[in-house]
Amino acid sequence: MTAHQADIIYTSLAFILPVVAIAVIRKGWIAIPLAAFAHWATLDAAGRILHQLDPERDSGIFAAIWAAIGWIQAIVLVTILWKVKQFFINLKNRNKIPNQSLQTTTMAVTDAEQPPRQP
């Protein structure tokens, strides 16, 4: 496996794993940290493997920066994914919930309040 192939595989995994975690897990307090950790850990492992496959690749400072603050990017990415998922769920369910104000006003009219019908 070349460094380029490993880079493509791990980058794909780093974006597929959080999307799957967000799509499958319904509770946000579990899905967001788990997906963020999966994203961060996958890219951290990719950096270590890429360094072993290509030792001349000078990325020591980038690996250190990613290990220190990469989790911030992971949380932002996963939060955006969660909000997009919630948006589409709300968009799908918007038409299923009838308008409560229309139901109460139409049901409030009784037979005594209706005008008599003309034969």
N, C-alpha and C. Protein backbone atom coordinates (compact mmCIF):
# COMPACT_ATOMS: atom_id res chain seq x y z
N MET A 1 0.85 -1.17 0.00
CA MET A 1 0.00 0.00 0.00
C MET A 1 0.90 1.24 0.00
N THR A 2 0.60 2.13 -0.89
CA THR A 2 1.37 3.36 -0.96
C THR A 2 0.78 4.40 0.00
N ALA A 3 1.55 5.43 0.22
CA ALA A 3 1.08 6.49 1.11
C ALA A 3 -0.14 7.19 0.51
N HIS A 4 -0.18 7.31 -0.80
CA HIS A 4 -1.32 7.97 -1.45
C HIS A 4 -2.59 7.14 -1.29
N GLN A 5 -2.49 5.82 -1.45
CA GLN A 5 -3.65 4.95 -1.26
C GLN A 5 -4.14 5.00 0.18
N ALA A 6 -3.21 4.95 1.13
CA ALA A 6 -3.60 5.03 2.54
C ALA A 6 -4.26 6.36 2.85
N ASP A 7 -3.77 7.42 2.24
CA ASP A 7 -4.35 8.74 2.46
C ASP A 7 -5.79 8.79 1.96
N ILE A 8 -6.04 8.23 0.80
CA ILE A 8 -7.41 8.20 0.25
C ILE A 8 -8.32 7.35 1.12
N ILE A 9 -7.86 6.18 1.52
CA ILE A 9 -8.68 5.26 2.32
C ILE A 9 -9.03 5.89 3.67
N TYR A 10 -8.03 6.41 4.37
CA TYR A 10 -8.29 6.96 5.70
C TYR A 10 -9.09 8.26 5.66
N THR A 11 -8.88 9.06 4.63
CA THR A 11 -9.69 10.27 4.50
C THR A 11 -11.15 9.92 4.24
N SER A 12 -11.38 8.91 3.41
CA SER A 12 -12.75 8.46 3.16
C SER A 12 -13.38 7.91 4.44
N LEU A 13 -12.63 7.09 5.17
CA LEU A 13 -13.15 6.55 6.43
C LEU A 13 -13.44 7.65 7.44
N ALA A 14 -12.61 8.67 7.46
CA ALA A 14 -12.78 9.75 8.43
C ALA A 14 -14.07 10.52 8.20
N PHE A 15 -14.58 10.51 6.99
CA PHE A 15 -15.84 11.21 6.73
C PHE A 15 -17.03 10.26 6.68
N ILE A 16 -16.80 8.99 6.37
CA ILE A 16 -17.90 8.02 6.34
C ILE A 16 -18.32 7.62 7.75
N LEU A 17 -17.36 7.37 8.65
CA LEU A 17 -17.69 6.93 10.00
C LEU A 17 -18.58 7.92 10.76
N PRO A 18 -18.29 9.22 10.76
CA PRO A 18 -19.19 10.14 11.47
C PRO A 18 -20.58 10.22 10.84
N VAL A 19 -20.65 10.15 9.52
CA VAL A 19 -21.96 10.21 8.86
C VAL A 19 -22.79 9.00 9.25
N VAL A 20 -22.17 7.82 9.28
CA VAL A 20 -22.89 6.60 9.68
C VAL A 20 -23.31 6.69 11.14
N ALA A 21 -22.41 7.16 12.01
CA ALA A 21 -22.75 7.26 13.43
C ALA A 21 -23.90 8.24 13.66
N ILE A 22 -23.89 9.36 12.96
CA ILE A 22 -24.97 10.34 13.10
C ILE A 22 -26.27 9.78 12.54
N ALA A 23 -26.20 9.05 11.44
CA ALA A 23 -27.41 8.51 10.82
C ALA A 23 -28.02 7.39 11.64
N VAL A 24 -27.21 6.58 12.29
CA VAL A 24 -27.71 5.39 12.99
C VAL A 24 -28.14 5.72 14.42
N ILE A 25 -27.34 6.49 15.13
CA ILE A 25 -27.63 6.76 16.54
C ILE A 25 -28.58 7.95 16.64
N ARG A 26 -29.68 7.75 17.33
CA ARG A 26 -30.73 8.77 17.39
C ARG A 26 -30.52 9.79 18.50
N LYS A 27 -29.79 9.43 19.54
CA LYS A 27 -29.60 10.35 20.66
C LYS A 27 -28.35 11.20 20.42
N GLY A 28 -28.54 12.51 20.41
CA GLY A 28 -27.45 13.42 20.10
C GLY A 28 -26.33 13.40 21.11
N TRP A 29 -26.65 13.20 22.38
CA TRP A 29 -25.61 13.23 23.40
C TRP A 29 -24.70 12.02 23.31
N ILE A 30 -25.10 10.99 22.59
CA ILE A 30 -24.23 9.84 22.34
C ILE A 30 -23.58 9.97 20.97
N ALA A 31 -24.36 10.35 19.98
CA ALA A 31 -23.89 10.35 18.59
C ALA A 31 -22.80 11.39 18.35
N ILE A 32 -22.96 12.58 18.88
CA ILE A 32 -22.00 13.66 18.58
C ILE A 32 -20.61 13.35 19.13
N PRO A 33 -20.45 13.00 20.41
CA PRO A 33 -19.09 12.69 20.88
C PRO A 33 -18.50 11.44 20.22
N LEU A 34 -19.33 10.42 19.99
CA LEU A 34 -18.83 9.20 19.38
C LEU A 34 -18.37 9.44 17.95
N ALA A 35 -19.14 10.17 17.19
CA ALA A 35 -18.77 10.46 15.80
C ALA A 35 -17.56 11.38 15.75
N ALA A 36 -17.48 12.35 16.66
CA ALA A 36 -16.32 13.24 16.69
C ALA A 36 -15.05 12.47 17.04
N PHE A 37 -15.15 11.56 17.99
CA PHE A 37 -13.98 10.75 18.34
C PHE A 37 -13.58 9.84 17.19
N ALA A 38 -14.55 9.26 16.50
CA ALA A 38 -14.24 8.39 15.36
C ALA A 38 -13.52 9.18 14.27
N HIS A 39 -13.99 10.39 14.00
CA HIS A 39 -13.36 11.25 12.99
C HIS A 39 -11.93 11.61 13.40
N TRP A 40 -11.77 12.07 14.63
CA TRP A 40 -10.45 12.49 15.10
C TRP A 40 -9.48 11.31 15.15
N ALA A 41 -9.93 10.18 15.70
CA ALA A 41 -9.04 9.02 15.84
C ALA A 41 -8.64 8.45 14.48
N THR A 42 -9.56 8.45 13.53
CA THR A 42 -9.24 7.94 12.20
C THR A 42 -8.18 8.80 11.53
N LEU A 43 -8.32 10.10 11.61
CA LEU A 43 -7.33 10.98 11.00
C LEU A 43 -6.01 10.96 11.77
N ASP A 44 -6.05 10.77 13.08
CA ASP A 44 -4.82 10.65 13.85
C ASP A 44 -4.08 9.37 13.47
N ALA A 45 -4.82 8.27 13.36
CA ALA A 45 -4.20 7.01 12.95
C ALA A 45 -3.66 7.11 11.52
N ALA A 46 -4.38 7.80 10.67
CA ALA A 46 -3.92 7.99 9.29
C ALA A 46 -2.59 8.74 9.26
N GLY A 47 -2.47 9.75 10.08
CA GLY A 47 -1.22 10.50 10.13
C GLY A 47 -0.06 9.65 10.59
N ARG A 48 -0.29 8.79 11.57
CA ARG A 48 0.78 7.91 12.06
C ARG A 48 1.16 6.87 11.01
N ILE A 49 0.16 6.30 10.34
CA ILE A 49 0.44 5.29 9.31
C ILE A 49 1.13 5.93 8.11
N LEU A 50 0.69 7.10 7.72
CA LEU A 50 1.34 7.79 6.60
C LEU A 50 2.79 8.13 6.92
N HIS A 51 3.06 8.45 8.17
CA HIS A 51 4.44 8.74 8.56
C HIS A 51 5.30 7.48 8.47
N GLN A 52 4.73 6.31 8.80
CA GLN A 52 5.47 5.05 8.68
C GLN A 52 5.66 4.65 7.22
N LEU A 53 4.66 4.88 6.39
CA LEU A 53 4.77 4.52 4.97
C LEU A 53 5.73 5.45 4.23
N ASP A 54 5.79 6.68 4.62
CA ASP A 54 6.65 7.66 3.95
C ASP A 54 7.41 8.45 5.02
N PRO A 55 8.52 7.89 5.53
CA PRO A 55 9.23 8.55 6.64
C PRO A 55 9.83 9.91 6.26
N GLU A 56 10.06 10.13 4.98
CA GLU A 56 10.65 11.40 4.55
C GLU A 56 9.62 12.53 4.52
N ARG A 57 8.38 12.17 4.69
CA ARG A 57 7.31 13.16 4.72
C ARG A 57 7.43 13.94 6.03
N ASP A 58 7.69 15.20 5.93
CA ASP A 58 7.91 16.02 7.12
C ASP A 58 6.58 16.61 7.58
N SER A 59 5.91 15.89 8.47
CA SER A 59 4.61 16.36 8.95
C SER A 59 4.53 16.33 10.47
N GLY A 60 5.65 16.40 11.13
CA GLY A 60 5.66 16.32 12.59
C GLY A 60 4.87 17.43 13.25
N ILE A 61 5.01 18.65 12.76
CA ILE A 61 4.29 19.78 13.36
C ILE A 61 2.79 19.66 13.11
N PHE A 62 2.41 19.17 11.92
CA PHE A 62 0.98 19.03 11.62
C PHE A 62 0.34 17.93 12.46
N ALA A 63 1.08 16.85 12.69
CA ALA A 63 0.56 15.77 13.54
C ALA A 63 0.39 16.26 14.98
N ALA A 64 1.32 17.07 15.45
CA ALA A 64 1.22 17.60 16.81
C ALA A 64 0.05 18.56 16.94
N ILE A 65 -0.13 19.40 15.94
CA ILE A 65 -1.27 20.34 15.96
C ILE A 65 -2.58 19.57 15.92
N TRP A 66 -2.66 18.53 15.07
CA TRP A 66 -3.89 17.74 14.97
C TRP A 66 -4.18 17.02 16.28
N ALA A 67 -3.15 16.47 16.91
CA ALA A 67 -3.37 15.76 18.17
C ALA A 67 -3.85 16.71 19.26
N ALA A 68 -3.41 17.96 19.19
CA ALA A 68 -3.77 18.92 20.23
C ALA A 68 -5.15 19.54 20.02
N ILE A 69 -5.44 19.99 18.81
CA ILE A 69 -6.69 20.73 18.60
C ILE A 69 -7.57 20.16 17.50
N GLY A 70 -7.26 18.99 17.00
CA GLY A 70 -8.07 18.40 15.94
C GLY A 70 -9.47 18.04 16.39
N TRP A 71 -9.64 17.81 17.68
CA TRP A 71 -10.96 17.44 18.19
C TRP A 71 -11.94 18.59 18.04
N ILE A 72 -11.46 19.84 18.02
CA ILE A 72 -12.36 20.98 17.85
C ILE A 72 -12.99 20.93 16.46
N GLN A 73 -12.17 20.66 15.45
CA GLN A 73 -12.69 20.53 14.08
C GLN A 73 -13.65 19.36 13.99
N ALA A 74 -13.34 18.27 14.68
CA ALA A 74 -14.21 17.09 14.65
C ALA A 74 -15.57 17.39 15.26
N ILE A 75 -15.59 18.10 16.37
CA ILE A 75 -16.87 18.43 17.01
C ILE A 75 -17.68 19.38 16.14
N VAL A 76 -17.03 20.35 15.51
CA VAL A 76 -17.74 21.27 14.62
C VAL A 76 -18.34 20.52 13.44
N LEU A 77 -17.55 19.64 12.82
CA LEU A 77 -18.05 18.86 11.68
C LEU A 77 -19.24 18.01 12.07
N VAL A 78 -19.14 17.31 13.18
CA VAL A 78 -20.21 16.40 13.60
C VAL A 78 -21.45 17.18 14.03
N THR A 79 -21.28 18.33 14.65
CA THR A 79 -22.43 19.15 15.02
C THR A 79 -23.17 19.64 13.78
N ILE A 80 -22.42 20.02 12.75
CA ILE A 80 -23.06 20.42 11.49
C ILE A 80 -23.82 19.24 10.88
N LEU A 81 -23.22 18.06 10.90
CA LEU A 81 -23.91 16.87 10.38
C LEU A 81 -25.19 16.59 11.17
N TRP A 82 -25.13 16.74 12.50
CA TRP A 82 -26.30 16.50 13.35
C TRP A 82 -27.42 17.50 13.04
N LYS A 83 -27.05 18.76 12.87
CA LYS A 83 -28.05 19.79 12.56
C LYS A 83 -28.68 19.55 11.19
N VAL A 84 -27.90 19.11 10.22
CA VAL A 84 -28.45 18.79 8.89
C VAL A 84 -29.42 17.62 9.00
N LYS A 85 -29.06 16.62 9.79
CA LYS A 85 -29.96 15.47 9.98
C LYS A 85 -31.26 15.93 10.63
N GLN A 86 -31.18 16.74 11.67
CA GLN A 86 -32.38 17.22 12.35
C GLN A 86 -33.23 18.09 11.43
N PHE A 87 -32.59 18.88 10.58
CA PHE A 87 -33.32 19.70 9.62
C PHE A 87 -34.15 18.83 8.68
N PHE A 88 -33.55 17.78 8.14
CA PHE A 88 -34.28 16.91 7.22
C PHE A 88 -35.36 16.10 7.92
N ILE A 89 -35.13 15.72 9.16
CA ILE A 89 -36.17 15.02 9.92
C ILE A 89 -37.35 15.95 10.16
N ASN A 90 -37.08 17.19 10.55
CA ASN A 90 -38.16 18.16 10.77
C ASN A 90 -38.87 18.51 9.47
N LEU A 91 -38.13 18.59 8.39
CA LEU A 91 -38.73 18.88 7.09
C LEU A 91 -39.66 17.75 6.66
N LYS A 92 -39.25 16.52 6.92
CA LYS A 92 -40.06 15.36 6.57
C LYS A 92 -41.32 15.28 7.43
N ASN A 93 -41.19 15.60 8.71
CA ASN A 93 -42.32 15.48 9.63
C ASN A 93 -43.21 16.72 9.64
N ARG A 94 -42.83 17.76 8.95
CA ARG A 94 -43.59 19.02 8.97
C ARG A 94 -45.01 18.83 8.44
N ASN A 95 -45.16 18.07 7.40
CA ASN A 95 -46.48 17.88 6.79
C ASN A 95 -47.31 16.82 7.49
N LYS A 96 -46.70 16.02 8.34
CA LYS A 96 -47.44 14.98 9.04
C LYS A 96 -48.22 15.51 10.23
N ILE A 97 -47.77 16.60 10.82
CA ILE A 97 -48.42 17.16 11.99
C ILE A 97 -49.47 18.17 11.52
N PRO A 98 -50.76 17.93 11.80
CA PRO A 98 -51.78 18.89 11.37
C PRO A 98 -51.66 20.18 12.18
N ASN A 99 -52.14 21.23 11.59
CA ASN A 99 -52.11 22.53 12.24
C ASN A 99 -53.13 22.54 13.37
N GLN A 100 -52.65 22.64 14.59
CA GLN A 100 -53.54 22.56 15.75
C GLN A 100 -54.50 23.75 15.82
N SER A 101 -54.06 24.91 15.39
CA SER A 101 -54.94 26.08 15.48
C SER A 101 -56.13 25.93 14.54
N LEU A 102 -55.93 25.33 13.38
CA LEU A 102 -57.06 25.12 12.47
C LEU A 102 -58.03 24.09 13.02
N GLN A 103 -57.52 23.07 13.67
CA GLN A 103 -58.41 22.05 14.23
C GLN A 103 -59.27 22.63 15.35
N THR A 104 -58.70 23.42 16.21
CA THR A 104 -59.49 23.94 17.33
C THR A 104 -60.54 24.93 16.86
N THR A 105 -60.24 25.72 15.84
CA THR A 105 -61.24 26.69 15.38
C THR A 105 -62.36 25.99 14.63
N THR A 106 -62.07 24.98 13.87
CA THR A 106 -63.14 24.30 13.14
C THR A 106 -63.97 23.44 14.07
N MET A 107 -63.37 22.90 15.10
CA MET A 107 -64.11 22.05 16.02
C MET A 107 -64.92 22.88 17.01
N ALA A 108 -64.59 24.16 17.17
CA ALA A 108 -65.28 24.99 18.14
C ALA A 108 -66.67 25.39 17.67
N VAL A 109 -66.93 25.34 16.39
CA VAL A 109 -68.25 25.69 15.87
C VAL A 109 -69.19 24.52 16.14
N THR A 110 -70.25 24.79 16.88
CA THR A 110 -71.22 23.73 17.20
C THR A 110 -72.44 23.88 16.31
N ASP A 111 -73.35 22.93 16.43
CA ASP A 111 -74.58 22.98 15.63
C ASP A 111 -75.45 24.18 15.99
N ALA A 112 -75.44 24.59 17.26
CA ALA A 112 -76.27 25.72 17.68
C ALA A 112 -75.77 27.03 17.08
N GLU A 113 -74.47 27.13 16.82
CA GLU A 113 -73.91 28.37 16.29
C GLU A 113 -74.04 28.46 14.77
N GLN A 114 -74.31 27.34 14.12
CA GLN A 114 -74.41 27.37 12.66
C GLN A 114 -75.75 27.95 12.23
N PRO A 115 -75.75 28.71 11.15
CA PRO A 115 -77.02 29.27 10.67
C PRO A 115 -77.90 28.14 10.13
N PRO A 116 -79.21 28.33 10.19
CA PRO A 116 -80.11 27.28 9.70
C PRO A 116 -79.95 27.11 8.19
N ARG A 117 -80.12 25.90 7.76
CA ARG A 117 -79.98 25.59 6.33
C ARG A 117 -81.26 25.93 5.58
N GLN A 118 -81.10 26.41 4.39
CA GLN A 118 -82.23 26.72 3.53
C GLN A 118 -82.57 25.47 2.72
N PRO A 119 -83.87 25.09 2.70
CA PRO A 119 -84.23 23.89 1.90
C PRO A 119 -84.23 24.13 0.42
